[in-house]
Amino acid sequence: IISRNVETEAGIGFGKAVAQGDADKGVVLVSATAS
């Protein structure tokens, strides 16, 4: 289990797939542009 900073403006729920964000150690929800 790792810690990552949430970059998604609307937040991220529990049990969701996350992808690498723009920043080091950042994550966003998986999407068509973040896979």
Full PDB file with SEQRES, HELIX, SHEET, SSBOND, CRYST1, ORIGX, SCALE, CONECT and MASTER records, all heavy atoms in Angstrom:
SEQRES   1 A   35  ILE ILE SER ARG ASN VAL GLU THR GLU ALA GLY ILE GLY          
SEQRES   2 A   35  PHE GLY LYS ALA VAL ALA GLN GLY ASP ALA ASP LYS GLY          
SEQRES   3 A   35  VAL VAL LEU VAL SER ALA THR ALA SER                          
SHEET    1 AA1 3 ASN A   5  VAL A   6  0                                        
SHEET    2 AA1 3 GLY A  26  LEU A  29  1                                        
SHEET    3 AA1 3 VAL A  18  GLN A  20 -1                                        
CRYST1    1.000    1.000    1.000  90.00  90.00  90.00 P 1           1          
ORIGX1      1.000000  0.000000  0.000000        0.00000                         
ORIGX2      0.000000  1.000000  0.000000        0.00000                         
ORIGX3      0.000000  0.000000  1.000000        0.00000                         
SCALE1      1.000000  0.000000  0.000000        0.00000                         
SCALE2      0.000000  1.000000  0.000000        0.00000                         
SCALE3      0.000000  0.000000  1.000000        0.00000                         
ATOM      1  N   ILE A   1       0.866  -1.182   0.000  1.00  0.00           N  
ATOM      2  CA  ILE A   1       0.000   0.000   0.000  1.00  0.00           C  
ATOM      3  C   ILE A   1       0.899   1.227   0.000  1.00  0.00           C  
ATOM      4  O   ILE A   1       1.787   1.354   0.845  1.00  0.00           O  
ATOM      5  CB  ILE A   1      -0.931   0.000   1.228  1.00  0.00           C  
ATOM      6  CG1 ILE A   1      -1.809  -1.264   1.209  1.00  0.00           C  
ATOM      7  CG2 ILE A   1      -1.785   1.260   1.254  1.00  0.00           C  
ATOM      8  CD1 ILE A   1      -2.544  -1.527   2.502  1.00  0.00           C  
ATOM      9  N   ILE A   2       0.656   2.113  -0.957  1.00  0.00           N  
ATOM     10  CA  ILE A   2       1.461   3.325  -1.087  1.00  0.00           C  
ATOM     11  C   ILE A   2       0.577   4.549  -0.881  1.00  0.00           C  
ATOM     12  O   ILE A   2      -0.649   4.452  -0.932  1.00  0.00           O  
ATOM     13  CB  ILE A   2       2.164   3.384  -2.460  1.00  0.00           C  
ATOM     14  CG1 ILE A   2       1.136   3.376  -3.606  1.00  0.00           C  
ATOM     15  CG2 ILE A   2       3.149   2.219  -2.606  1.00  0.00           C  
ATOM     16  CD1 ILE A   2       1.732   3.522  -5.002  1.00  0.00           C  
ATOM     17  N   SER A   3       1.188   5.683  -0.658  1.00  0.00           N  
ATOM     18  CA  SER A   3       0.465   6.953  -0.545  1.00  0.00           C  
ATOM     19  C   SER A   3       0.710   7.768  -1.805  1.00  0.00           C  
ATOM     20  O   SER A   3       1.851   7.868  -2.268  1.00  0.00           O  
ATOM     21  CB  SER A   3       0.956   7.751   0.662  1.00  0.00           C  
ATOM     22  OG  SER A   3       0.664   7.072   1.846  1.00  0.00           O  
ATOM     23  N   ARG A   4      -0.374   8.340  -2.338  1.00  0.00           N  
ATOM     24  CA  ARG A   4      -0.260   9.182  -3.517  1.00  0.00           C  
ATOM     25  C   ARG A   4      -1.166  10.394  -3.350  1.00  0.00           C  
ATOM     26  O   ARG A   4      -2.242  10.305  -2.757  1.00  0.00           O  
ATOM     27  CB  ARG A   4      -0.644   8.427  -4.800  1.00  0.00           C  
ATOM     28  CG  ARG A   4       0.349   7.348  -5.201  1.00  0.00           C  
ATOM     29  CD  ARG A   4       1.684   7.980  -5.600  1.00  0.00           C  
ATOM     30  NE  ARG A   4       2.677   7.014  -6.021  1.00  0.00           N  
ATOM     31  CZ  ARG A   4       3.677   6.576  -5.269  1.00  0.00           C  
ATOM     32  NH1 ARG A   4       3.805   6.979  -4.041  1.00  0.00           N  
ATOM     33  NH2 ARG A   4       4.557   5.723  -5.755  1.00  0.00           N  
ATOM     34  N   ASN A   5      -0.734  11.539  -3.883  1.00  0.00           N  
ATOM     35  CA  ASN A   5      -1.492  12.780  -3.760  1.00  0.00           C  
ATOM     36  C   ASN A   5      -2.570  12.859  -4.835  1.00  0.00           C  
ATOM     37  O   ASN A   5      -2.285  12.674  -6.016  1.00  0.00           O  
ATOM     38  CB  ASN A   5      -0.557  13.986  -3.863  1.00  0.00           C  
ATOM     39  CG  ASN A   5       0.458  14.000  -2.743  1.00  0.00           C  
ATOM     40  OD1 ASN A   5       0.128  13.703  -1.600  1.00  0.00           O  
ATOM     41  ND2 ASN A   5       1.693  14.308  -3.075  1.00  0.00           N  
ATOM     42  N   VAL A   6      -3.793  13.144  -4.425  1.00  0.00           N  
ATOM     43  CA  VAL A   6      -4.931  13.203  -5.340  1.00  0.00           C  
ATOM     44  C   VAL A   6      -4.887  14.505  -6.128  1.00  0.00           C  
ATOM     45  O   VAL A   6      -4.878  15.593  -5.549  1.00  0.00           O  
ATOM     46  CB  VAL A   6      -6.261  13.091  -4.559  1.00  0.00           C  
ATOM     47  CG1 VAL A   6      -7.455  13.294  -5.485  1.00  0.00           C  
ATOM     48  CG2 VAL A   6      -6.341  11.754  -3.854  1.00  0.00           C  
ATOM     49  N   GLU A   7      -4.886  14.393  -7.459  1.00  0.00           N  
ATOM     50  CA  GLU A   7      -4.885  15.564  -8.335  1.00  0.00           C  
ATOM     51  C   GLU A   7      -6.265  15.822  -8.933  1.00  0.00           C  
ATOM     52  O   GLU A   7      -6.523  16.922  -9.411  1.00  0.00           O  
ATOM     53  CB  GLU A   7      -3.865  15.375  -9.461  1.00  0.00           C  
ATOM     54  CG  GLU A   7      -2.429  15.330  -8.962  1.00  0.00           C  
ATOM     55  CD  GLU A   7      -1.434  15.136 -10.090  1.00  0.00           C  
ATOM     56  OE1 GLU A   7      -1.801  15.235 -11.281  1.00  0.00           O  
ATOM     57  OE2 GLU A   7      -0.256  14.861  -9.779  1.00  0.00           O  
ATOM     58  N   THR A   8      -7.154  14.830  -8.937  1.00  0.00           N  
ATOM     59  CA  THR A   8      -8.479  14.969  -9.523  1.00  0.00           C  
ATOM     60  C   THR A   8      -9.280  15.997  -8.747  1.00  0.00           C  
ATOM     61  O   THR A   8      -9.450  15.875  -7.527  1.00  0.00           O  
ATOM     62  CB  THR A   8      -9.227  13.616  -9.533  1.00  0.00           C  
ATOM     63  OG1 THR A   8      -8.429  12.671 -10.245  1.00  0.00           O  
ATOM     64  CG2 THR A   8     -10.593  13.740 -10.168  1.00  0.00           C  
ATOM     65  N   GLU A   9      -9.769  17.036  -9.433  1.00  0.00           N  
ATOM     66  CA  GLU A   9     -10.472  18.146  -8.777  1.00  0.00           C  
ATOM     67  C   GLU A   9     -11.703  17.688  -7.988  1.00  0.00           C  
ATOM     68  O   GLU A   9     -11.959  18.170  -6.892  1.00  0.00           O  
ATOM     69  CB  GLU A   9     -10.884  19.187  -9.815  1.00  0.00           C  
ATOM     70  CG  GLU A   9     -11.436  20.457  -9.189  1.00  0.00           C  
ATOM     71  CD  GLU A   9     -11.688  21.537 -10.216  1.00  0.00           C  
ATOM     72  OE1 GLU A   9     -10.973  21.602 -11.228  1.00  0.00           O  
ATOM     73  OE2 GLU A   9     -12.619  22.319 -10.000  1.00  0.00           O  
ATOM     74  N   ALA A  10     -12.455  16.757  -8.524  1.00  0.00           N  
ATOM     75  CA  ALA A  10     -13.676  16.287  -7.855  1.00  0.00           C  
ATOM     76  C   ALA A  10     -13.377  15.248  -6.775  1.00  0.00           C  
ATOM     77  O   ALA A  10     -14.290  14.785  -6.104  1.00  0.00           O  
ATOM     78  CB  ALA A  10     -14.637  15.699  -8.882  1.00  0.00           C  
ATOM     79  N   GLY A  11     -12.121  14.895  -6.605  1.00  0.00           N  
ATOM     80  CA  GLY A  11     -11.761  13.880  -5.634  1.00  0.00           C  
ATOM     81  C   GLY A  11     -11.836  12.492  -6.238  1.00  0.00           C  
ATOM     82  O   GLY A  11     -12.219  12.307  -7.393  1.00  0.00           O  
ATOM     83  N   ILE A  12     -11.443  11.499  -5.433  1.00  0.00           N  
ATOM     84  CA  ILE A  12     -11.445  10.104  -5.879  1.00  0.00           C  
ATOM     85  C   ILE A  12     -12.064   9.258  -4.783  1.00  0.00           C  
ATOM     86  O   ILE A  12     -11.657   9.319  -3.624  1.00  0.00           O  
ATOM     87  CB  ILE A  12     -10.010   9.616  -6.178  1.00  0.00           C  
ATOM     88  CG1 ILE A  12      -9.370  10.453  -7.297  1.00  0.00           C  
ATOM     89  CG2 ILE A  12     -10.023   8.131  -6.547  1.00  0.00           C  
ATOM     90  CD1 ILE A  12      -7.912  10.135  -7.558  1.00  0.00           C  
ATOM     91  N   GLY A  13     -13.041   8.444  -5.156  1.00  0.00           N  
ATOM     92  CA  GLY A  13     -13.712   7.563  -4.202  1.00  0.00           C  
ATOM     93  C   GLY A  13     -12.861   6.372  -3.821  1.00  0.00           C  
ATOM     94  O   GLY A  13     -11.776   6.141  -4.368  1.00  0.00           O  
ATOM     95  N   PHE A  14     -13.379   5.583  -2.886  1.00  0.00           N  
ATOM     96  CA  PHE A  14     -12.690   4.378  -2.443  1.00  0.00           C  
ATOM     97  C   PHE A  14     -12.985   3.241  -3.426  1.00  0.00           C  
ATOM     98  O   PHE A  14     -14.071   3.144  -3.971  1.00  0.00           O  
ATOM     99  CB  PHE A  14     -13.155   3.969  -1.050  1.00  0.00           C  
ATOM    100  CG  PHE A  14     -12.979   5.045  -0.007  1.00  0.00           C  
ATOM    101  CD1 PHE A  14     -13.844   5.112   1.062  1.00  0.00           C  
ATOM    102  CD2 PHE A  14     -11.961   5.972  -0.086  1.00  0.00           C  
ATOM    103  CE1 PHE A  14     -13.700   6.085   2.040  1.00  0.00           C  
ATOM    104  CE2 PHE A  14     -11.802   6.952   0.878  1.00  0.00           C  
ATOM    105  CZ  PHE A  14     -12.671   7.012   1.945  1.00  0.00           C  
ATOM    106  N   GLY A  15     -12.002   2.374  -3.647  1.00  0.00           N  
ATOM    107  CA  GLY A  15     -12.190   1.249  -4.554  1.00  0.00           C  
ATOM    108  C   GLY A  15     -12.176   1.657  -6.012  1.00  0.00           C  
ATOM    109  O   GLY A  15     -12.825   1.031  -6.841  1.00  0.00           O  
ATOM    110  N   LYS A  16     -11.425   2.695  -6.351  1.00  0.00           N  
ATOM    111  CA  LYS A  16     -11.359   3.207  -7.730  1.00  0.00           C  
ATOM    112  C   LYS A  16      -9.961   3.009  -8.307  1.00  0.00           C  
ATOM    113  O   LYS A  16      -8.953   3.127  -7.606  1.00  0.00           O  
ATOM    114  CB  LYS A  16     -11.707   4.701  -7.778  1.00  0.00           C  
ATOM    115  CG  LYS A  16     -13.066   5.039  -7.207  1.00  0.00           C  
ATOM    116  CD  LYS A  16     -14.177   4.431  -8.001  1.00  0.00           C  
ATOM    117  CE  LYS A  16     -15.535   4.825  -7.451  1.00  0.00           C  
ATOM    118  NZ  LYS A  16     -16.621   4.142  -8.128  1.00  0.00           N  
ATOM    119  N   ALA A  17      -9.909   2.748  -9.608  1.00  0.00           N  
ATOM    120  CA  ALA A  17      -8.631   2.629 -10.304  1.00  0.00           C  
ATOM    121  C   ALA A  17      -8.041   4.022 -10.487  1.00  0.00           C  
ATOM    122  O   ALA A  17      -8.747   4.948 -10.891  1.00  0.00           O  
ATOM    123  CB  ALA A  17      -8.822   1.960 -11.659  1.00  0.00           C  
ATOM    124  N   VAL A  18      -6.759   4.153 -10.161  1.00  0.00           N  
ATOM    125  CA  VAL A  18      -6.093   5.446 -10.325  1.00  0.00           C  
ATOM    126  C   VAL A  18      -4.885   5.290 -11.240  1.00  0.00           C  
ATOM    127  O   VAL A  18      -4.261   4.237 -11.309  1.00  0.00           O  
ATOM    128  CB  VAL A  18      -5.666   6.058  -8.969  1.00  0.00           C  
ATOM    129  CG1 VAL A  18      -6.881   6.497  -8.180  1.00  0.00           C  
ATOM    130  CG2 VAL A  18      -4.820   5.106  -8.155  1.00  0.00           C  
ATOM    131  N   ALA A  19      -4.590   6.380 -11.947  1.00  0.00           N  
ATOM    132  CA  ALA A  19      -3.476   6.416 -12.885  1.00  0.00           C  
ATOM    133  C   ALA A  19      -2.480   7.486 -12.452  1.00  0.00           C  
ATOM    134  O   ALA A  19      -2.804   8.355 -11.638  1.00  0.00           O  
ATOM    135  CB  ALA A  19      -4.001   6.728 -14.289  1.00  0.00           C  
ATOM    136  N   GLN A  20      -1.297   7.426 -13.023  1.00  0.00           N  
ATOM    137  CA  GLN A  20      -0.269   8.419 -12.725  1.00  0.00           C  
ATOM    138  C   GLN A  20      -0.774   9.810 -13.078  1.00  0.00           C  
ATOM    139  O   GLN A  20      -1.316  10.023 -14.151  1.00  0.00           O  
ATOM    140  CB  GLN A  20       1.008   8.108 -13.510  1.00  0.00           C  
ATOM    141  CG  GLN A  20       2.130   9.105 -13.290  1.00  0.00           C  
ATOM    142  CD  GLN A  20       2.615   9.120 -11.841  1.00  0.00           C  
ATOM    143  OE1 GLN A  20       2.831   8.079 -11.249  1.00  0.00           O  
ATOM    144  NE2 GLN A  20       2.793  10.306 -11.289  1.00  0.00           N  
ATOM    145  N   GLY A  21      -0.607  10.746 -12.156  1.00  0.00           N  
ATOM    146  CA  GLY A  21      -0.990  12.125 -12.397  1.00  0.00           C  
ATOM    147  C   GLY A  21       0.138  12.898 -13.054  1.00  0.00           C  
ATOM    148  O   GLY A  21       1.141  12.325 -13.499  1.00  0.00           O  
ATOM    149  N   ASP A  22       0.006  14.221 -13.073  1.00  0.00           N  
ATOM    150  CA  ASP A  22       1.030  15.073 -13.671  1.00  0.00           C  
ATOM    151  C   ASP A  22       2.263  15.206 -12.787  1.00  0.00           C  
ATOM    152  O   ASP A  22       3.385  15.264 -13.267  1.00  0.00           O  
ATOM    153  CB  ASP A  22       0.465  16.479 -13.950  1.00  0.00           C  
ATOM    154  CG  ASP A  22      -0.576  16.463 -15.058  1.00  0.00           C  
ATOM    155  OD1 ASP A  22      -0.492  15.601 -15.958  1.00  0.00           O  
ATOM    156  OD2 ASP A  22      -1.478  17.321 -15.023  1.00  0.00           O  
ATOM    157  N   ALA A  23       2.044  15.263 -11.480  1.00  0.00           N  
ATOM    158  CA  ALA A  23       3.144  15.455 -10.534  1.00  0.00           C  
ATOM    159  C   ALA A  23       3.728  14.116 -10.083  1.00  0.00           C  
ATOM    160  O   ALA A  23       3.068  13.079 -10.174  1.00  0.00           O  
ATOM    161  CB  ALA A  23       2.640  16.218  -9.308  1.00  0.00           C  
ATOM    162  N   ASP A  24       4.957  14.167  -9.586  1.00  0.00           N  
ATOM    163  CA  ASP A  24       5.530  12.981  -8.965  1.00  0.00           C  
ATOM    164  C   ASP A  24       4.609  12.565  -7.816  1.00  0.00           C  
ATOM    165  O   ASP A  24       4.119  13.413  -7.063  1.00  0.00           O  
ATOM    166  CB  ASP A  24       6.913  13.287  -8.390  1.00  0.00           C  
ATOM    167  CG  ASP A  24       7.958  13.558  -9.460  1.00  0.00           C  
ATOM    168  OD1 ASP A  24       7.654  13.359 -10.655  1.00  0.00           O  
ATOM    169  OD2 ASP A  24       9.062  13.982  -9.102  1.00  0.00           O  
ATOM    170  N   LYS A  25       4.367  11.287  -7.677  1.00  0.00           N  
ATOM    171  CA  LYS A  25       3.526  10.728  -6.617  1.00  0.00           C  
ATOM    172  C   LYS A  25       2.105  11.289  -6.631  1.00  0.00           C  
ATOM    173  O   LYS A  25       1.434  11.322  -5.611  1.00  0.00           O  
ATOM    174  CB  LYS A  25       4.185  10.900  -5.251  1.00  0.00           C  
ATOM    175  CG  LYS A  25       5.503  10.155  -5.161  1.00  0.00           C  
ATOM    176  CD  LYS A  25       5.975   9.994  -3.762  1.00  0.00           C  
ATOM    177  CE  LYS A  25       7.243   9.153  -3.769  1.00  0.00           C  
ATOM    178  NZ  LYS A  25       7.628   8.736  -2.467  1.00  0.00           N  
ATOM    179  N   GLY A  26       1.635  11.724  -7.799  1.00  0.00           N  
ATOM    180  CA  GLY A  26       0.267  12.198  -7.947  1.00  0.00           C  
ATOM    181  C   GLY A  26      -0.563  11.148  -8.672  1.00  0.00           C  
ATOM    182  O   GLY A  26      -0.039  10.363  -9.461  1.00  0.00           O  
ATOM    183  N   VAL A  27      -1.874  11.108  -8.362  1.00  0.00           N  
ATOM    184  CA  VAL A  27      -2.781  10.199  -9.056  1.00  0.00           C  
ATOM    185  C   VAL A  27      -4.055  10.915  -9.460  1.00  0.00           C  
ATOM    186  O   VAL A  27      -4.451  11.905  -8.846  1.00  0.00           O  
ATOM    187  CB  VAL A  27      -3.159   8.962  -8.193  1.00  0.00           C  
ATOM    188  CG1 VAL A  27      -1.988   8.024  -8.010  1.00  0.00           C  
ATOM    189  CG2 VAL A  27      -3.763   9.362  -6.866  1.00  0.00           C  
ATOM    190  N   VAL A  28      -4.666  10.377 -10.517  1.00  0.00           N  
ATOM    191  CA  VAL A  28      -5.956  10.843 -11.027  1.00  0.00           C  
ATOM    192  C   VAL A  28      -6.798   9.603 -11.296  1.00  0.00           C  
ATOM    193  O   VAL A  28      -6.275   8.490 -11.376  1.00  0.00           O  
ATOM    194  CB  VAL A  28      -5.801  11.677 -12.318  1.00  0.00           C  
ATOM    195  CG1 VAL A  28      -5.029  12.964 -12.058  1.00  0.00           C  
ATOM    196  CG2 VAL A  28      -5.123  10.859 -13.414  1.00  0.00           C  
ATOM    197  N   LEU A  29      -8.101   9.782 -11.445  1.00  0.00           N  
ATOM    198  CA  LEU A  29      -8.945   8.668 -11.847  1.00  0.00           C  
ATOM    199  C   LEU A  29      -8.525   8.176 -13.224  1.00  0.00           C  
ATOM    200  O   LEU A  29      -8.155   8.985 -14.082  1.00  0.00           O  
ATOM    201  CB  LEU A  29     -10.410   9.098 -11.901  1.00  0.00           C  
ATOM    202  CG  LEU A  29     -11.145   9.145 -10.574  1.00  0.00           C  
ATOM    203  CD1 LEU A  29     -12.522   9.774 -10.757  1.00  0.00           C  
ATOM    204  CD2 LEU A  29     -11.277   7.759  -9.966  1.00  0.00           C  
ATOM    205  N   VAL A  30      -8.579   6.877 -13.446  1.00  0.00           N  
ATOM    206  CA  VAL A  30      -8.288   6.336 -14.770  1.00  0.00           C  
ATOM    207  C   VAL A  30      -9.311   6.905 -15.750  1.00  0.00           C  
ATOM    208  O   VAL A  30     -10.501   6.986 -15.449  1.00  0.00           O  
ATOM    209  CB  VAL A  30      -8.341   4.793 -14.755  1.00  0.00           C  
ATOM    210  CG1 VAL A  30      -8.307   4.240 -16.167  1.00  0.00           C  
ATOM    211  CG2 VAL A  30      -7.187   4.237 -13.946  1.00  0.00           C  
ATOM    212  N   SER A  31      -8.817   7.328 -16.911  1.00  0.00           N  
ATOM    213  CA  SER A  31      -9.695   7.890 -17.942  1.00  0.00           C  
ATOM    214  C   SER A  31      -9.088   7.602 -19.303  1.00  0.00           C  
ATOM    215  O   SER A  31      -8.040   6.967 -19.398  1.00  0.00           O  
ATOM    216  CB  SER A  31      -9.844   9.401 -17.742  1.00  0.00           C  
ATOM    217  OG  SER A  31      -8.600  10.037 -17.994  1.00  0.00           O  
ATOM    218  N   ALA A  32      -9.726   8.096 -20.338  1.00  0.00           N  
ATOM    219  CA  ALA A  32      -9.215   7.900 -21.695  1.00  0.00           C  
ATOM    220  C   ALA A  32      -7.857   8.564 -21.869  1.00  0.00           C  
ATOM    221  O   ALA A  32      -7.034   8.114 -22.666  1.00  0.00           O  
ATOM    222  CB  ALA A  32     -10.211   8.448 -22.710  1.00  0.00           C  
ATOM    223  N   THR A  33      -7.583   9.631 -21.126  1.00  0.00           N  
ATOM    224  CA  THR A  33      -6.312  10.335 -21.255  1.00  0.00           C  
ATOM    225  C   THR A  33      -5.313   9.961 -20.167  1.00  0.00           C  
ATOM    226  O   THR A  33      -4.147  10.306 -20.264  1.00  0.00           O  
ATOM    227  CB  THR A  33      -6.529  11.861 -21.216  1.00  0.00           C  
ATOM    228  OG1 THR A  33      -7.186  12.198 -19.995  1.00  0.00           O  
ATOM    229  CG2 THR A  33      -7.361  12.320 -22.406  1.00  0.00           C  
ATOM    230  N   ALA A  34      -5.767   9.268 -19.133  1.00  0.00           N  
ATOM    231  CA  ALA A  34      -4.890   8.845 -18.037  1.00  0.00           C  
ATOM    232  C   ALA A  34      -5.070   7.348 -17.841  1.00  0.00           C  
ATOM    233  O   ALA A  34      -5.941   6.911 -17.105  1.00  0.00           O  
ATOM    234  CB  ALA A  34      -5.226   9.609 -16.758  1.00  0.00           C  
ATOM    235  N   SER A  35      -4.254   6.565 -18.523  1.00  0.00           N  
ATOM    236  CA  SER A  35      -4.455   5.121 -18.503  1.00  0.00           C  
ATOM    237  C   SER A  35      -3.278   4.336 -17.935  1.00  0.00           C  
ATOM    238  O   SER A  35      -3.264   3.119 -17.984  1.00  0.00           O  
ATOM    239  CB  SER A  35      -4.776   4.621 -19.913  1.00  0.00           C  
ATOM    240  OG  SER A  35      -3.706   4.936 -20.781  1.00  0.00           O  
TER     241      SER A  35                                                      
MASTER        0    0    0    0    3    0    0    6  240    1    0    3          
END                                                                             
